[in-house]
Amino acid sequence: MKKMTKYNLSNEEFLNYIKSIPKSQFNNKSHIEYFKKVYEAKKKSGSDYSKEEKYLKENGVKLDD
């Protein structure tokens, strides 16, 4: 029998797998730094950066507007 990994799950199973990951795992420092860089790049290029801005504000990052 094939081992179940996140790469061979059905769509519904994958969504359940993602929900099972603790939210704190997504809020580590390197992840926030990545979002900060994406936010700055999108802001500079004039793209829509509202999702990144919302995520950063939720995690207590001060943004210079």
N, C-alpha and C. Protein backbone atom coordinates (compact mmCIF):
# COMPACT_ATOMS: atom_id res chain seq x y z
N MET A 1 0.83 -1.18 0.00
CA MET A 1 0.00 0.00 0.00
C MET A 1 0.88 1.25 0.00
N LYS A 2 0.45 2.25 -0.75
CA LYS A 2 1.21 3.48 -0.90
C LYS A 2 1.12 4.34 0.36
N LYS A 3 2.26 4.89 0.79
CA LYS A 3 2.26 5.76 1.97
C LYS A 3 1.60 7.09 1.62
N MET A 4 0.74 7.58 2.53
CA MET A 4 0.05 8.85 2.31
C MET A 4 0.98 10.00 2.71
N THR A 5 1.25 10.87 1.78
CA THR A 5 2.02 12.08 2.07
C THR A 5 1.21 13.27 1.58
N LYS A 6 1.68 14.47 1.90
CA LYS A 6 0.95 15.66 1.47
C LYS A 6 0.95 15.80 -0.05
N TYR A 7 1.82 15.07 -0.75
CA TYR A 7 1.92 15.20 -2.20
C TYR A 7 0.97 14.28 -2.96
N ASN A 8 0.48 13.22 -2.32
CA ASN A 8 -0.42 12.33 -3.05
C ASN A 8 -1.81 12.25 -2.41
N LEU A 9 -2.22 13.30 -1.70
CA LEU A 9 -3.55 13.34 -1.11
C LEU A 9 -4.55 13.91 -2.11
N SER A 10 -5.80 13.56 -1.93
CA SER A 10 -6.84 14.19 -2.74
C SER A 10 -6.98 15.63 -2.28
N ASN A 11 -7.68 16.45 -3.04
CA ASN A 11 -7.82 17.87 -2.71
C ASN A 11 -8.41 18.06 -1.32
N GLU A 12 -9.48 17.34 -1.01
CA GLU A 12 -10.14 17.48 0.30
C GLU A 12 -9.22 17.04 1.43
N GLU A 13 -8.50 15.95 1.23
CA GLU A 13 -7.56 15.46 2.24
C GLU A 13 -6.43 16.46 2.46
N PHE A 14 -5.97 17.09 1.38
CA PHE A 14 -4.89 18.07 1.49
C PHE A 14 -5.35 19.28 2.29
N LEU A 15 -6.58 19.75 2.04
CA LEU A 15 -7.10 20.90 2.78
C LEU A 15 -7.21 20.57 4.27
N ASN A 16 -7.62 19.35 4.60
CA ASN A 16 -7.68 18.93 6.00
C ASN A 16 -6.28 18.86 6.62
N TYR A 17 -5.30 18.42 5.81
CA TYR A 17 -3.91 18.35 6.27
C TYR A 17 -3.40 19.75 6.62
N ILE A 18 -3.68 20.73 5.76
CA ILE A 18 -3.25 22.11 5.98
C ILE A 18 -3.88 22.66 7.27
N LYS A 19 -5.17 22.36 7.48
CA LYS A 19 -5.85 22.84 8.69
C LYS A 19 -5.24 22.24 9.96
N SER A 20 -4.65 21.06 9.84
CA SER A 20 -4.09 20.40 11.02
C SER A 20 -2.74 20.98 11.44
N ILE A 21 -2.12 21.79 10.58
CA ILE A 21 -0.83 22.40 10.93
C ILE A 21 -1.08 23.56 11.88
N PRO A 22 -0.38 23.62 12.99
CA PRO A 22 -0.60 24.72 13.94
C PRO A 22 -0.30 26.08 13.30
N LYS A 23 -1.15 27.06 13.60
CA LYS A 23 -0.98 28.39 13.02
C LYS A 23 0.36 29.00 13.40
N SER A 24 0.87 28.67 14.57
CA SER A 24 2.15 29.23 15.02
C SER A 24 3.29 28.84 14.09
N GLN A 25 3.15 27.73 13.39
CA GLN A 25 4.20 27.29 12.46
C GLN A 25 4.31 28.26 11.29
N PHE A 26 3.20 28.91 10.92
CA PHE A 26 3.21 29.84 9.80
C PHE A 26 3.69 31.22 10.23
N ASN A 27 3.75 31.49 11.52
CA ASN A 27 4.08 32.82 12.00
C ASN A 27 5.52 32.92 12.49
N ASN A 28 6.38 32.04 12.02
CA ASN A 28 7.76 32.14 12.46
C ASN A 28 8.46 33.32 11.78
N LYS A 29 9.59 33.70 12.30
CA LYS A 29 10.28 34.92 11.86
C LYS A 29 10.63 34.91 10.37
N SER A 30 11.12 33.80 9.85
CA SER A 30 11.51 33.76 8.44
C SER A 30 10.30 33.91 7.53
N HIS A 31 9.16 33.35 7.94
CA HIS A 31 7.94 33.47 7.14
C HIS A 31 7.48 34.92 7.09
N ILE A 32 7.55 35.61 8.22
CA ILE A 32 7.15 37.02 8.28
C ILE A 32 8.10 37.87 7.46
N GLU A 33 9.40 37.57 7.50
CA GLU A 33 10.38 38.31 6.69
C GLU A 33 10.09 38.14 5.21
N TYR A 34 9.72 36.92 4.81
CA TYR A 34 9.37 36.66 3.41
C TYR A 34 8.18 37.52 2.99
N PHE A 35 7.13 37.54 3.82
CA PHE A 35 5.95 38.34 3.50
C PHE A 35 6.29 39.83 3.43
N LYS A 36 7.21 40.27 4.28
CA LYS A 36 7.64 41.67 4.28
C LYS A 36 8.30 42.02 2.95
N LYS A 37 9.16 41.11 2.45
CA LYS A 37 9.85 41.35 1.18
C LYS A 37 8.86 41.36 0.02
N VAL A 38 7.91 40.44 0.03
CA VAL A 38 6.89 40.39 -1.02
C VAL A 38 6.05 41.66 -0.98
N TYR A 39 5.68 42.10 0.22
CA TYR A 39 4.90 43.33 0.40
C TYR A 39 5.63 44.52 -0.20
N GLU A 40 6.92 44.66 0.15
CA GLU A 40 7.71 45.79 -0.34
C GLU A 40 7.86 45.75 -1.86
N ALA A 41 8.09 44.56 -2.42
CA ALA A 41 8.25 44.44 -3.87
C ALA A 41 6.95 44.77 -4.60
N LYS A 42 5.83 44.26 -4.09
CA LYS A 42 4.54 44.54 -4.73
C LYS A 42 4.19 46.02 -4.62
N LYS A 43 4.49 46.62 -3.47
CA LYS A 43 4.19 48.05 -3.27
C LYS A 43 5.02 48.89 -4.24
N LYS A 44 6.28 48.51 -4.42
CA LYS A 44 7.18 49.24 -5.31
C LYS A 44 6.73 49.12 -6.77
N SER A 45 6.25 47.94 -7.16
CA SER A 45 5.85 47.71 -8.55
C SER A 45 4.42 48.17 -8.84
N GLY A 46 3.68 48.51 -7.80
CA GLY A 46 2.30 48.98 -7.99
C GLY A 46 1.27 47.86 -8.05
N SER A 47 1.65 46.64 -7.69
CA SER A 47 0.71 45.51 -7.67
C SER A 47 -0.17 45.58 -6.43
N ASP A 48 -1.19 44.71 -6.40
CA ASP A 48 -2.08 44.65 -5.24
C ASP A 48 -1.37 43.92 -4.09
N TYR A 49 -1.16 44.60 -3.00
CA TYR A 49 -0.45 44.03 -1.85
C TYR A 49 -1.32 43.96 -0.61
N SER A 50 -2.63 44.00 -0.76
CA SER A 50 -3.53 44.04 0.39
C SER A 50 -3.46 42.78 1.25
N LYS A 51 -3.30 41.60 0.63
CA LYS A 51 -3.23 40.36 1.42
C LYS A 51 -1.99 40.34 2.29
N GLU A 52 -0.86 40.74 1.72
CA GLU A 52 0.38 40.76 2.48
C GLU A 52 0.30 41.79 3.61
N GLU A 53 -0.28 42.96 3.30
CA GLU A 53 -0.42 44.01 4.30
C GLU A 53 -1.28 43.54 5.47
N LYS A 54 -2.39 42.86 5.17
CA LYS A 54 -3.29 42.35 6.20
C LYS A 54 -2.57 41.31 7.08
N TYR A 55 -1.85 40.38 6.43
CA TYR A 55 -1.13 39.34 7.17
C TYR A 55 -0.09 39.95 8.11
N LEU A 56 0.66 40.92 7.60
CA LEU A 56 1.71 41.54 8.41
C LEU A 56 1.12 42.32 9.58
N LYS A 57 0.02 43.04 9.35
CA LYS A 57 -0.61 43.80 10.43
C LYS A 57 -1.17 42.86 11.50
N GLU A 58 -1.73 41.72 11.08
CA GLU A 58 -2.26 40.73 12.03
C GLU A 58 -1.16 40.17 12.93
N ASN A 59 0.06 40.12 12.40
CA ASN A 59 1.17 39.57 13.16
C ASN A 59 2.03 40.63 13.83
N GLY A 60 1.48 41.84 13.94
CA GLY A 60 2.12 42.90 14.72
C GLY A 60 3.32 43.56 14.08
N VAL A 61 3.43 43.50 12.75
CA VAL A 61 4.55 44.16 12.08
C VAL A 61 4.14 45.59 11.74
N LYS A 62 4.97 46.55 12.14
CA LYS A 62 4.68 47.96 11.85
C LYS A 62 5.09 48.25 10.41
N LEU A 63 4.15 48.80 9.64
CA LEU A 63 4.42 49.13 8.24
C LEU A 63 4.48 50.64 8.10
N ASP A 64 5.49 51.11 7.37
CA ASP A 64 5.58 52.55 7.14
C ASP A 64 4.80 52.90 5.88
N ASP A 65 3.70 53.60 6.06
CA ASP A 65 2.82 53.93 4.94
C ASP A 65 3.17 55.27 4.35
